[in-house]
Amino acid sequence: MKAWLVKDKDECAATVVFAETRGKARSMAMATDACEDVAFCDIEVRRVPSIDKYYKEGKKEMDWYDDKDRLALVKECSFRCEYMEIDLCEDCPAKEYCDEYQDYIAELEESEGGE
């Protein structure tokens, strides 16, 4: 099964679904939170072979709320939270790979070093 990143071509929200073909991935996307109100032709679909290895029998979509899936999405696809909440970042399993969090830490260290 192949992993596909799907999103509204005019928005930032995205998800990764598992399907045999690009067309099937686009159809599946319409049943996800990221693309539920998006017209079929407005769904952008891109292969993400690095996520193929996370497929398990019956799995249709990567789950942002599953720690292992979140880590893979951040590490392999550069996903990030829509709004950064530093209190939540501290407990996030993917903070080591999150560009937003790493930028925050770097800025924090820079401001503490410059005092």
C-alpha atoms as a PDB file:
ATOM      1  CA  MET A   1       0.000   0.000   0.000  1.00  0.00           C
ATOM      2  CA  LYS A   2       1.285   3.469  -0.860  1.00  0.00           C
ATOM      3  CA  ALA A   3       1.253   6.577   1.340  1.00  0.00           C
ATOM      4  CA  TRP A   4      -0.103   9.804  -0.140  1.00  0.00           C
ATOM      5  CA  LEU A   5      -0.086  13.312   1.312  1.00  0.00           C
ATOM      6  CA  VAL A   6      -3.446  14.906   0.563  1.00  0.00           C
ATOM      7  CA  LYS A   7      -4.537  18.500   1.065  1.00  0.00           C
ATOM      8  CA  ASP A   8      -6.720  21.290  -0.215  1.00  0.00           C
ATOM      9  CA  LYS A   9      -4.486  22.997  -2.773  1.00  0.00           C
ATOM     10  CA  ASP A  10      -5.357  26.403  -1.266  1.00  0.00           C
ATOM     11  CA  GLU A  11      -4.954  25.515   2.441  1.00  0.00           C
ATOM     12  CA  CYS A  12      -2.256  24.283   4.822  1.00  0.00           C
ATOM     13  CA  ALA A  13      -4.119  21.431   6.528  1.00  0.00           C
ATOM     14  CA  ALA A  14      -3.005  18.032   5.268  1.00  0.00           C
ATOM     15  CA  THR A  15      -3.034  14.352   6.123  1.00  0.00           C
ATOM     16  CA  VAL A  16      -1.508  11.136   4.845  1.00  0.00           C
ATOM     17  CA  VAL A  17      -3.730   8.345   3.540  1.00  0.00           C
ATOM     18  CA  PHE A  18      -2.908   4.857   2.305  1.00  0.00           C
ATOM     19  CA  ALA A  19      -4.196   3.818  -1.111  1.00  0.00           C
ATOM     20  CA  GLU A  20      -3.151   1.843  -4.161  1.00  0.00           C
ATOM     21  CA  THR A  21      -3.405   4.765  -6.597  1.00  0.00           C
ATOM     22  CA  ARG A  22      -3.418   8.558  -6.696  1.00  0.00           C
ATOM     23  CA  GLY A  23      -7.106   8.584  -7.676  1.00  0.00           C
ATOM     24  CA  LYS A  24      -8.097   6.319  -4.792  1.00  0.00           C
ATOM     25  CA  ALA A  25      -6.084   8.528  -2.428  1.00  0.00           C
ATOM     26  CA  ARG A  26      -7.947  11.600  -3.689  1.00  0.00           C
ATOM     27  CA  SER A  27     -11.285   9.833  -3.114  1.00  0.00           C
ATOM     28  CA  MET A  28     -10.238   8.751   0.385  1.00  0.00           C
ATOM     29  CA  ALA A  29      -9.129  12.299   1.168  1.00  0.00           C
ATOM     30  CA  MET A  30     -12.706  13.510   0.903  1.00  0.00           C
ATOM     31  CA  ALA A  31     -13.498  11.485   4.051  1.00  0.00           C
ATOM     32  CA  THR A  32     -10.707  13.080   6.132  1.00  0.00           C
ATOM     33  CA  ASP A  33     -10.879  16.153   8.357  1.00  0.00           C
ATOM     34  CA  ALA A  34      -8.286  17.880   6.168  1.00  0.00           C
ATOM     35  CA  CYS A  35     -10.307  17.567   2.945  1.00  0.00           C
ATOM     36  CA  GLU A  36     -13.912  16.795   3.894  1.00  0.00           C
ATOM     37  CA  ASP A  37     -15.345  19.974   2.329  1.00  0.00           C
ATOM     38  CA  VAL A  38     -12.964  20.146  -0.617  1.00  0.00           C
ATOM     39  CA  ALA A  39     -14.012  19.506  -4.211  1.00  0.00           C
ATOM     40  CA  PHE A  40     -12.434  16.367  -5.699  1.00  0.00           C
ATOM     41  CA  CYS A  41     -10.462  18.363  -8.297  1.00  0.00           C
ATOM     42  CA  ASP A  42      -9.118  20.764  -5.630  1.00  0.00           C
ATOM     43  CA  ILE A  43      -7.394  18.030  -3.631  1.00  0.00           C
ATOM     44  CA  GLU A  44      -3.642  17.968  -4.119  1.00  0.00           C
ATOM     45  CA  VAL A  45      -2.120  14.477  -3.909  1.00  0.00           C
ATOM     46  CA  ARG A  46       1.584  13.747  -3.543  1.00  0.00           C
ATOM     47  CA  ARG A  47       3.410  10.461  -2.914  1.00  0.00           C
ATOM     48  CA  VAL A  48       5.338  10.137   0.353  1.00  0.00           C
ATOM     49  CA  PRO A  49       7.217   6.831   0.020  1.00  0.00           C
ATOM     50  CA  SER A  50       8.970   7.390   3.363  1.00  0.00           C
ATOM     51  CA  ILE A  51       5.609   6.783   5.088  1.00  0.00           C
ATOM     52  CA  ASP A  52       4.843   3.509   3.253  1.00  0.00           C
ATOM     53  CA  LYS A  53       6.537   1.542   6.038  1.00  0.00           C
ATOM     54  CA  TYR A  54       3.942   2.718   8.587  1.00  0.00           C
ATOM     55  CA  TYR A  55       1.080   0.976   6.813  1.00  0.00           C
ATOM     56  CA  LYS A  56      -0.673  -1.839   8.685  1.00  0.00           C
ATOM     57  CA  GLU A  57      -3.519  -3.981   7.392  1.00  0.00           C
ATOM     58  CA  GLY A  58      -6.720  -1.930   7.454  1.00  0.00           C
ATOM     59  CA  LYS A  59      -4.998   1.395   8.207  1.00  0.00           C
ATOM     60  CA  LYS A  60      -6.478   4.148   6.049  1.00  0.00           C
ATOM     61  CA  GLU A  61      -4.865   7.303   7.435  1.00  0.00           C
ATOM     62  CA  MET A  62      -2.021   8.375   9.681  1.00  0.00           C
ATOM     63  CA  ASP A  63      -3.369   9.495  13.056  1.00  0.00           C
ATOM     64  CA  TRP A  64      -1.980  12.787  14.409  1.00  0.00           C
ATOM     65  CA  TYR A  65      -3.172  11.803  17.902  1.00  0.00           C
ATOM     66  CA  ASP A  66      -1.172   8.553  17.918  1.00  0.00           C
ATOM     67  CA  ASP A  67       2.350   9.263  19.232  1.00  0.00           C
ATOM     68  CA  LYS A  68       4.085   6.970  16.724  1.00  0.00           C
ATOM     69  CA  ASP A  69       2.157   8.390  13.770  1.00  0.00           C
ATOM     70  CA  ARG A  70       2.777  11.975  14.922  1.00  0.00           C
ATOM     71  CA  LEU A  71       6.497  11.313  15.208  1.00  0.00           C
ATOM     72  CA  ALA A  72       6.546   9.905  11.662  1.00  0.00           C
ATOM     73  CA  LEU A  73       4.503  12.797  10.249  1.00  0.00           C
ATOM     74  CA  VAL A  74       6.764  15.418  11.814  1.00  0.00           C
ATOM     75  CA  LYS A  75      10.026  13.623  11.073  1.00  0.00           C
ATOM     76  CA  GLU A  76       9.235  12.379   7.559  1.00  0.00           C
ATOM     77  CA  CYS A  77       6.793  15.006   6.247  1.00  0.00           C
ATOM     78  CA  SER A  78       7.625  18.125   8.292  1.00  0.00           C
ATOM     79  CA  PHE A  79       4.112  18.317   9.758  1.00  0.00           C
ATOM     80  CA  ARG A  80       3.575  20.735  12.639  1.00  0.00           C
ATOM     81  CA  CYS A  81       0.791  21.911  14.885  1.00  0.00           C
ATOM     82  CA  GLU A  82      -1.495  24.574  13.491  1.00  0.00           C
ATOM     83  CA  TYR A  83      -0.892  26.701  16.584  1.00  0.00           C
ATOM     84  CA  MET A  84       2.158  26.211  18.746  1.00  0.00           C
ATOM     85  CA  GLU A  85       1.364  25.903  22.449  1.00  0.00           C
ATOM     86  CA  ILE A  86       4.647  25.645  24.285  1.00  0.00           C
ATOM     87  CA  ASP A  87       3.110  23.809  27.260  1.00  0.00           C
ATOM     88  CA  LEU A  88       1.948  21.055  24.910  1.00  0.00           C
ATOM     89  CA  CYS A  89       5.254  21.038  23.031  1.00  0.00           C
ATOM     90  CA  GLU A  90       7.153  19.961  26.121  1.00  0.00           C
ATOM     91  CA  ASP A  91       5.280  16.634  26.154  1.00  0.00           C
ATOM     92  CA  CYS A  92       5.155  16.117  22.381  1.00  0.00           C
ATOM     93  CA  PRO A  93       6.888  12.940  21.171  1.00  0.00           C
ATOM     94  CA  ALA A  94       8.011  14.747  18.006  1.00  0.00           C
ATOM     95  CA  LYS A  95       9.487  17.930  19.513  1.00  0.00           C
ATOM     96  CA  GLU A  96      13.027  16.836  18.624  1.00  0.00           C
ATOM     97  CA  TYR A  97      12.082  16.951  14.912  1.00  0.00           C
ATOM     98  CA  CYS A  98       9.664  19.892  14.956  1.00  0.00           C
ATOM     99  CA  ASP A  99      11.082  22.934  13.147  1.00  0.00           C
ATOM    100  CA  GLU A 100       8.733  25.310  14.991  1.00  0.00           C
ATOM    101  CA  TYR A 101       9.763  24.006  18.419  1.00  0.00           C
ATOM    102  CA  GLN A 102      13.460  23.932  17.540  1.00  0.00           C
ATOM    103  CA  ASP A 103      13.250  27.549  16.305  1.00  0.00           C
ATOM    104  CA  TYR A 104      11.537  28.514  19.566  1.00  0.00           C
ATOM    105  CA  ILE A 105      14.275  26.851  21.639  1.00  0.00           C
ATOM    106  CA  ALA A 106      17.006  28.533  19.573  1.00  0.00           C
ATOM    107  CA  GLU A 107      15.376  31.964  20.016  1.00  0.00           C
ATOM    108  CA  LEU A 108      14.963  31.328  23.741  1.00  0.00           C
ATOM    109  CA  GLU A 109      18.629  30.354  24.110  1.00  0.00           C
ATOM    110  CA  GLU A 110      19.684  33.366  22.069  1.00  0.00           C
ATOM    111  CA  SER A 111      17.651  35.778  24.177  1.00  0.00           C
ATOM    112  CA  GLU A 112      18.933  34.249  27.430  1.00  0.00           C
ATOM    113  CA  GLY A 113      22.521  34.448  26.176  1.00  0.00           C
ATOM    114  CA  GLY A 114      22.137  38.070  25.139  1.00  0.00           C
ATOM    115  CA  GLU A 115      21.031  39.382  28.532  1.00  0.00           C
END
